[in-house]
C-alpha atoms as a PDB file:
ATOM      1  CA  UNK A   1     -41.591  17.187  16.411  1.00  0.00           C
ATOM      2  CA  UNK A   2     -38.687  19.667  16.349  1.00  0.00           C
ATOM      3  CA  UNK A   3     -35.252  18.486  17.342  1.00  0.00           C
ATOM      4  CA  UNK A   4     -33.323  20.393  19.963  1.00  0.00           C
ATOM      5  CA  UNK A   5     -30.449  22.262  18.278  1.00  0.00           C
ATOM      6  CA  UNK A   6     -26.841  21.923  19.396  1.00  0.00           C
ATOM      7  CA  UNK A   7     -26.688  25.515  20.669  1.00  0.00           C
ATOM      8  CA  UNK A   8     -29.814  24.980  22.789  1.00  0.00           C
ATOM      9  CA  UNK A   9     -28.417  21.698  24.160  1.00  0.00           C
ATOM     10  CA  UNK A  10     -25.149  23.344  25.133  1.00  0.00           C
ATOM     11  CA  UNK A  11     -26.996  26.202  26.849  1.00  0.00           C
ATOM     12  CA  UNK A  12     -29.070  23.782  28.928  1.00  0.00           C
ATOM     13  CA  UNK A  13     -26.117  21.707  30.115  1.00  0.00           C
ATOM     14  CA  UNK A  14     -23.193  24.156  30.011  1.00  0.00           C
ATOM     15  CA  UNK A  15     -22.746  24.285  33.801  1.00  0.00           C
ATOM     16  CA  UNK A  16     -22.963  20.534  34.317  1.00  0.00           C
ATOM     17  CA  UNK A  17     -20.219  17.935  33.902  1.00  0.00           C
ATOM     18  CA  UNK A  18     -22.464  14.869  33.946  1.00  0.00           C
ATOM     19  CA  UNK A  19     -25.750  16.048  32.382  1.00  0.00           C
ATOM     20  CA  UNK A  20     -26.424  15.693  28.657  1.00  0.00           C
ATOM     21  CA  UNK A  21     -29.449  16.011  26.377  1.00  0.00           C
ATOM     22  CA  UNK A  22     -30.102  12.794  24.466  1.00  0.00           C
ATOM     23  CA  UNK A  23     -32.489  12.860  21.522  1.00  0.00           C
ATOM     24  CA  UNK A  24     -34.627   9.922  20.597  1.00  0.00           C
ATOM     25  CA  UNK A  25     -36.439   9.097  17.387  1.00  0.00           C
ATOM     26  CA  UNK A  26     -39.736   8.297  19.128  1.00  0.00           C
ATOM     27  CA  UNK A  27     -39.708  10.559  22.162  1.00  0.00           C
ATOM     28  CA  UNK A  28     -38.896  14.042  23.303  1.00  0.00           C
ATOM     29  CA  UNK A  29     -35.242  14.696  24.205  1.00  0.00           C
ATOM     30  CA  UNK A  30     -34.266  13.408  27.643  1.00  0.00           C
ATOM     31  CA  UNK A  31     -31.765  14.718  30.156  1.00  0.00           C
ATOM     32  CA  UNK A  32     -29.344  11.893  30.816  1.00  0.00           C
ATOM     33  CA  UNK A  33     -26.118  11.163  32.609  1.00  0.00           C
ATOM     34  CA  UNK A  34     -23.438  11.497  29.916  1.00  0.00           C
ATOM     35  CA  UNK A  35     -22.509   8.221  28.267  1.00  0.00           C
ATOM     36  CA  UNK A  36     -25.515   6.372  29.698  1.00  0.00           C
ATOM     37  CA  UNK A  37     -29.247   5.959  29.178  1.00  0.00           C
ATOM     38  CA  UNK A  38     -29.898   6.889  32.810  1.00  0.00           C
ATOM     39  CA  UNK A  39     -32.165   9.927  32.920  1.00  0.00           C
ATOM     40  CA  UNK A  40     -32.396  12.680  35.490  1.00  0.00           C
ATOM     41  CA  UNK A  41     -35.990  11.505  35.867  1.00  0.00           C
ATOM     42  CA  UNK A  42     -34.796   7.979  36.787  1.00  0.00           C
ATOM     43  CA  UNK A  43     -32.610   9.424  39.536  1.00  0.00           C
ATOM     44  CA  UNK A  44     -35.399  11.623  40.897  1.00  0.00           C
ATOM     45  CA  UNK A  45     -37.836   8.698  40.917  1.00  0.00           C
ATOM     46  CA  UNK A  46     -35.332   6.618  42.889  1.00  0.00           C
ATOM     47  CA  UNK A  47     -34.824   9.479  45.359  1.00  0.00           C
ATOM     48  CA  UNK A  48     -38.596   9.858  45.741  1.00  0.00           C
ATOM     49  CA  UNK A  49     -38.757   6.109  46.381  1.00  0.00           C
ATOM     50  CA  UNK A  50     -36.421   6.492  49.345  1.00  0.00           C
ATOM     51  CA  UNK A  51     -33.036   5.600  47.862  1.00  0.00           C
ATOM     52  CA  UNK A  52     -29.990   7.554  48.983  1.00  0.00           C
ATOM     53  CA  UNK A  53     -27.515   9.130  46.528  1.00  0.00           C
ATOM     54  CA  UNK A  54     -25.001   6.431  47.511  1.00  0.00           C
ATOM     55  CA  UNK A  55     -27.496   3.653  46.716  1.00  0.00           C
ATOM     56  CA  UNK A  56     -28.391   5.231  43.372  1.00  0.00           C
ATOM     57  CA  UNK A  57     -24.718   5.627  42.513  1.00  0.00           C
ATOM     58  CA  UNK A  58     -24.088   1.969  43.271  1.00  0.00           C
ATOM     59  CA  UNK A  59     -27.212   0.753  41.448  1.00  0.00           C
ATOM     60  CA  UNK A  60     -26.367   2.541  38.188  1.00  0.00           C
ATOM     61  CA  UNK A  61     -22.576   2.371  38.586  1.00  0.00           C
ATOM     62  CA  UNK A  62     -22.198   6.121  38.151  1.00  0.00           C
ATOM     63  CA  UNK A  63     -20.250   8.598  40.285  1.00  0.00           C
ATOM     64  CA  UNK A  64     -22.095  10.007  43.288  1.00  0.00           C
ATOM     65  CA  UNK A  65     -21.314  13.445  41.845  1.00  0.00           C
ATOM     66  CA  UNK A  66     -23.473  12.553  38.824  1.00  0.00           C
ATOM     67  CA  UNK A  67     -26.390  11.801  41.160  1.00  0.00           C
ATOM     68  CA  UNK A  68     -25.989  15.031  43.116  1.00  0.00           C
ATOM     69  CA  UNK A  69     -25.616  16.978  39.877  1.00  0.00           C
ATOM     70  CA  UNK A  70     -28.900  15.532  38.579  1.00  0.00           C
ATOM     71  CA  UNK A  71     -30.607  16.648  41.790  1.00  0.00           C
ATOM     72  CA  UNK A  72     -29.007  20.097  41.535  1.00  0.00           C
ATOM     73  CA  UNK A  73     -30.141  20.372  37.899  1.00  0.00           C
ATOM     74  CA  UNK A  74     -33.729  19.463  38.811  1.00  0.00           C
ATOM     75  CA  UNK A  75     -33.695  21.939  41.696  1.00  0.00           C
ATOM     76  CA  UNK A  76     -32.499  24.678  39.336  1.00  0.00           C
ATOM     77  CA  UNK A  77     -35.282  23.896  36.889  1.00  0.00           C
ATOM     78  CA  UNK A  78     -37.911  23.933  39.634  1.00  0.00           C
ATOM     79  CA  UNK A  79     -36.574  27.248  40.862  1.00  0.00           C
ATOM     80  CA  UNK A  80     -36.977  28.711  37.381  1.00  0.00           C
ATOM     81  CA  UNK A  81     -40.541  27.383  37.075  1.00  0.00           C
ATOM     82  CA  UNK A  82     -41.481  28.973  40.395  1.00  0.00           C
ATOM     83  CA  UNK A  83     -40.076  32.327  39.291  1.00  0.00           C
ATOM     84  CA  UNK A  84     -41.895  32.176  35.940  1.00  0.00           C
ATOM     85  CA  UNK A  85     -45.173  31.150  37.570  1.00  0.00           C
ATOM     86  CA  UNK A  86     -45.094  33.964  40.102  1.00  0.00           C
ATOM     87  CA  UNK A  87     -44.105  36.641  37.566  1.00  0.00           C
END
């Protein structure tokens, strides 16, 4: 499996203060909250399960801005997928 290069990582996360790309030996790179193992996927799953951004922030002991940034990142990715699929 190819590793994600530094330039590609920086391009993905350049507009985000809290989002980072963390590589793993056994899995594909994951989008995480910087300095943690908490993934954007974890946050979205908690939101889908009915938790509020405040509850997620408290549960993981991360700033609420990190939670809202993860949601904003996911929204941006979904927006891009929609554009690519319709084009």
